[in-house]
Protein backbone atom coordinates (compact mmCIF):
# COMPACT_ATOMS: atom_id res chain seq x y z
CA MET A 1 8.48 6.29 26.22
CA PRO A 2 5.85 9.04 26.19
CA GLU A 3 2.51 7.39 26.98
CA GLU A 4 0.84 8.21 23.66
CA TYR A 5 3.86 6.91 21.72
CA ARG A 6 3.89 3.75 23.85
CA GLU A 7 0.19 3.10 23.31
CA ILE A 8 0.39 3.38 19.54
CA ALA A 9 3.62 1.38 19.29
CA ILE A 10 2.23 -1.44 21.41
CA ARG A 11 -1.05 -1.52 19.50
CA GLY A 12 0.77 -1.96 16.18
CA MET A 13 3.02 -4.69 17.55
CA VAL A 14 0.15 -6.58 19.21
CA VAL A 15 -1.97 -6.56 16.05
CA ASN A 16 0.93 -7.80 13.92
CA THR A 17 1.90 -10.44 16.46
CA GLU A 18 -1.64 -11.80 16.58
CA GLY A 19 -1.69 -11.89 12.78
CA GLU A 20 1.54 -13.91 12.69
CA LEU A 21 0.15 -16.51 15.10
CA SER A 22 -3.08 -16.79 13.14
CA GLY A 23 -1.05 -17.08 9.94
CA GLY A 24 0.66 -20.16 11.35
CA ASP A 25 -2.69 -21.66 12.28
CA ASP A 26 -4.05 -20.88 8.81
CA TYR A 27 -1.22 -22.79 7.14
CA VAL A 28 -1.73 -25.83 9.37
CA GLN A 29 -5.48 -25.89 9.92
CA VAL A 30 -6.78 -24.38 6.67
CA PHE A 31 -4.24 -24.69 3.85
CA LEU A 32 -2.42 -27.94 4.61
CA PRO A 33 -5.62 -30.05 4.29
CA LEU A 34 -6.19 -28.47 0.86
CA ALA A 35 -2.70 -29.32 -0.42
CA PRO A 36 -2.79 -31.58 -3.49
CA ASP A 37 0.26 -33.68 -2.60
CA ALA A 38 2.86 -34.40 0.07
CA GLU A 39 5.30 -31.81 -1.26
CA GLU A 40 2.76 -29.02 -0.91
CA ARG A 41 1.80 -30.28 2.55
CA GLN A 42 5.43 -30.03 3.56
CA VAL A 43 5.64 -26.47 2.23
CA CYS A 44 2.54 -25.49 4.20
CA ALA A 45 4.09 -26.99 7.33
CA GLU A 46 7.33 -25.09 6.73
CA ARG A 47 5.48 -21.81 6.22
CA ALA A 48 3.50 -22.45 9.42
CA ALA A 49 6.71 -22.94 11.39
CA GLU A 50 8.02 -19.62 10.08
CA GLU A 51 4.79 -17.82 11.01
CA TYR A 52 4.96 -19.24 14.54
CA ASP A 53 8.55 -18.02 14.75
CA HIS A 54 7.38 -14.55 13.69
CA TYR A 55 4.82 -14.66 16.48
CA LYS A 56 7.55 -15.55 18.97
CA ILE A 57 9.61 -12.59 17.76
CA GLY A 58 6.72 -10.23 18.43
CA LYS A 59 6.00 -11.91 21.75
CA ARG A 60 9.59 -11.34 22.87
CA VAL A 61 9.67 -7.66 21.90
CA LEU A 62 6.33 -7.03 23.59
CA ALA A 63 7.45 -8.84 26.75
CA GLU A 64 10.32 -6.36 27.02
CA VAL A 65 7.77 -3.56 27.51
CA GLY A 66 5.59 -5.55 29.88
CA VAL A 67 3.01 -6.94 27.44
CA ASP A 68 2.24 -10.67 27.65
CA THR A 69 0.68 -12.24 24.55
CA THR A 70 0.57 -15.79 25.90
CA TYR A 71 -3.23 -15.60 26.03
CA MET A 72 -3.26 -15.63 22.23
CA GLU A 73 -1.82 -19.13 22.22
CA LYS A 74 -4.92 -20.41 24.01
CA GLN A 75 -7.32 -18.75 21.57
CA THR A 76 -8.84 -20.34 18.49
CA LEU A 77 -8.63 -18.66 15.11
CA ALA A 78 -12.20 -17.44 15.57
CA ASP A 79 -11.29 -15.83 18.90
CA ARG A 80 -8.64 -13.55 17.41
CA ASN A 81 -10.16 -10.39 15.97
CA LEU A 82 -7.45 -7.72 16.12
CA PHE A 83 -6.09 -8.54 12.65
CA ARG A 84 -9.61 -8.54 11.13
CA ALA A 85 -9.04 -11.36 8.65
CA GLN A 86 -11.58 -14.03 9.52
CA GLU A 87 -12.24 -14.78 5.83
CA PHE A 88 -8.77 -16.30 5.54
CA HIS A 89 -9.79 -18.96 8.04
CA THR A 90 -12.62 -20.15 5.78
CA CYS A 91 -10.64 -20.74 2.59
CA THR A 92 -11.80 -23.90 0.83
CA THR A 93 -9.79 -24.06 -2.43
CA TRP A 94 -6.13 -24.33 -3.38
CA ALA A 95 -6.63 -21.22 -5.50
CA GLU A 96 -7.55 -19.28 -2.38
CA ARG A 97 -4.40 -20.57 -0.76
CA GLY A 98 -2.36 -19.21 -3.69
CA ILE A 99 -4.10 -15.82 -3.69
CA PHE A 100 -3.67 -15.61 0.09
CA SER A 101 0.12 -15.74 -0.26
CA TYR A 102 0.76 -14.05 -3.60
CA ILE A 103 -1.63 -11.13 -3.12
CA GLY A 104 -2.64 -11.20 0.55
CA GLU A 105 0.73 -11.66 2.21
CA GLU A 106 1.93 -8.60 0.32
CA THR A 107 -0.26 -6.61 2.74
CA ALA A 108 1.97 -7.89 5.53
CA MET A 109 5.09 -7.13 3.51
CA VAL A 110 4.03 -3.52 2.99
CA MET A 111 3.44 -3.02 6.71
CA ILE A 112 6.47 -4.98 7.94
CA SER A 113 8.75 -3.07 5.55
CA GLU A 114 7.56 0.08 7.30
CA PHE A 115 8.15 -1.45 10.73
CA ALA A 116 11.76 -2.08 9.71
CA GLN A 117 12.19 1.71 9.60
CA SER A 118 10.33 2.30 12.87
CA SER A 119 11.58 4.83 15.40
CA TYR A 120 11.15 2.07 17.99
CA ARG A 121 14.42 0.33 17.28
CA PRO A 122 13.81 -3.01 19.06
CA TRP A 123 10.82 -3.59 16.77
CA ALA A 124 12.62 -2.35 13.67
CA ASP A 125 15.55 -4.69 14.32
CA ALA A 126 13.28 -7.66 15.11
CA VAL A 127 11.20 -7.60 11.94
CA ARG A 128 14.08 -7.83 9.48
CA THR A 129 14.10 -11.62 9.76
CA ILE A 130 10.36 -11.66 9.14
CA ILE A 131 10.80 -9.75 5.89
CA LEU A 132 13.12 -12.43 4.49
CA ASP A 133 10.59 -15.17 5.27
CA GLU A 134 7.65 -13.21 3.86
CA LYS A 135 9.44 -12.92 0.52
CA VAL A 136 9.58 -16.72 0.40
CA HIS A 137 5.87 -16.97 1.30
CA ILE A 138 4.92 -14.59 -1.52
CA ALA A 139 7.12 -16.46 -3.99
CA HIS A 140 5.42 -19.73 -3.14
CA GLY A 141 2.02 -18.13 -3.62
CA ALA A 142 3.22 -16.89 -7.00
CA ARG A 143 4.13 -20.43 -8.03
CA VAL A 144 0.74 -21.81 -6.96
CA CYS A 145 -1.07 -19.06 -8.86
CA ARG A 146 1.01 -19.38 -12.02
CA ASN A 147 0.44 -23.12 -12.14
CA LEU A 148 -3.32 -22.65 -11.82
CA ALA A 149 -3.37 -19.79 -14.33
CA ALA A 150 -2.07 -22.13 -17.03
CA THR A 151 -5.63 -23.40 -17.65
CA ASP A 152 -8.99 -21.70 -18.14
CA ASP A 153 -10.48 -23.58 -15.20
CA GLY A 154 -7.56 -22.61 -12.98
CA ARG A 155 -7.86 -18.94 -13.91
CA GLU A 156 -11.55 -19.02 -13.06
CA GLN A 157 -10.76 -20.54 -9.68
CA LEU A 158 -8.18 -17.82 -9.09
CA GLN A 159 -10.64 -15.10 -10.09
CA GLN A 160 -13.25 -16.42 -7.68
CA ALA A 161 -10.64 -16.58 -4.93
CA LEU A 162 -9.45 -13.04 -5.62
CA ASP A 163 -12.98 -11.65 -5.70
CA ARG A 164 -13.86 -13.26 -2.37
CA LEU A 165 -10.70 -12.29 -0.50
CA TRP A 166 -10.13 -8.82 -1.96
CA PRO A 167 -12.37 -6.95 0.55
CA THR A 168 -10.47 -8.64 3.40
CA PHE A 169 -7.13 -7.53 1.96
CA ILE A 170 -8.41 -3.95 1.85
CA ARG A 171 -9.80 -4.15 5.38
CA ILE A 172 -6.45 -5.25 6.80
CA PHE A 173 -5.12 -1.73 6.30
CA GLY A 174 -7.80 -0.19 8.49
CA SER A 175 -9.66 3.06 8.04
CA PRO A 176 -8.04 5.63 5.74
CA ARG A 177 -9.17 8.25 8.26
CA SER A 178 -7.52 6.60 11.27
CA GLU A 179 -6.13 9.12 13.75
CA ARG A 180 -3.96 6.41 15.30
CA ALA A 181 -2.26 5.80 11.94
CA ARG A 182 -1.68 9.52 11.46
CA LEU A 183 -0.03 9.73 14.88
CA ALA A 184 2.07 6.64 14.11
CA VAL A 185 3.47 8.48 11.09
CA ARG A 186 4.11 11.59 13.18
CA PHE A 187 5.97 9.54 15.79
CA GLY A 188 8.04 7.75 13.14
CA LEU A 189 6.51 4.38 13.94
CA ARG A 190 5.21 4.21 10.37
CA GLN A 191 5.96 5.98 7.10
CA THR A 192 2.46 5.99 5.59
CA THR A 193 -1.13 6.35 6.70
CA ASN A 194 -3.55 3.45 6.24
CA GLY A 195 -4.82 4.83 2.95
CA GLU A 196 -1.32 5.43 1.60
CA ALA A 197 -0.22 1.93 2.60
CA CYS A 198 -3.24 0.43 0.84
CA ASP A 199 -2.46 2.43 -2.30
CA LEU A 200 1.13 1.16 -2.21
CA TRP A 201 -0.12 -2.41 -1.90
CA ARG A 202 -2.45 -1.92 -4.88
CA GLU A 203 0.47 -0.67 -6.96
CA LYS A 204 2.47 -3.77 -6.09
CA VAL A 205 -0.22 -6.39 -6.70
CA THR A 206 -2.03 -4.94 -9.73
CA PRO A 207 0.66 -6.06 -12.24
CA ARG A 208 0.67 -9.54 -10.68
CA ILE A 209 -3.08 -9.85 -11.06
CA LYS A 210 -2.99 -8.75 -14.69
CA ASN A 211 -0.08 -11.05 -15.51
CA LEU A 212 -2.18 -13.97 -14.27
CA GLY A 213 -4.91 -12.99 -16.73
CA LEU A 214 -7.27 -11.95 -13.93
CA ARG A 215 -9.55 -8.94 -13.52
CA LEU A 216 -9.07 -6.43 -10.74
CA PRO A 217 -12.03 -6.61 -8.37
CA GLU A 218 -14.12 -3.46 -8.21
């Protein structure tokens, strides 16, 4: 690969791979203890296993180009900063767990859907399995949110969760002025810039938020 292409491709894969590993830890360490019953604990455990599998997919593809991510496995959640989502690790309510999946995991879906069209074919081929799992994660978040939205108190909990996590969702996309993102589009590694990807995410989640009877954060 040309060096500039290689650098940008690897950066995108490393950031996503770290996010997948942290996602597994979030489900086990943060969300599972909040689960209201054994069934929901089981679901959290199942989602965690899928996130760890996604990490292993990224680890394998990166290893093929000489990048070892094993060090991530020895890090704590607080140690991992590439994905810039520390607020997820401090969720304290089941409503935040629902918003995390229904609204937040759509950020991952937007980006991974782009990766599936990447000019770097090993990565494009690898992420197709991840897309199928992420659809299940979002659907489970939808169920949690709809159940809570059935009551006034539940809707208020959801609104508080959305308001707190919204800035983190936006930050995941990175700077709208990122030169790296512009080059990724030019190289065919991505289809949109950071700002365009964020706008696409907003279009997808805005109807969901309104259907839950919630207000869009400013």
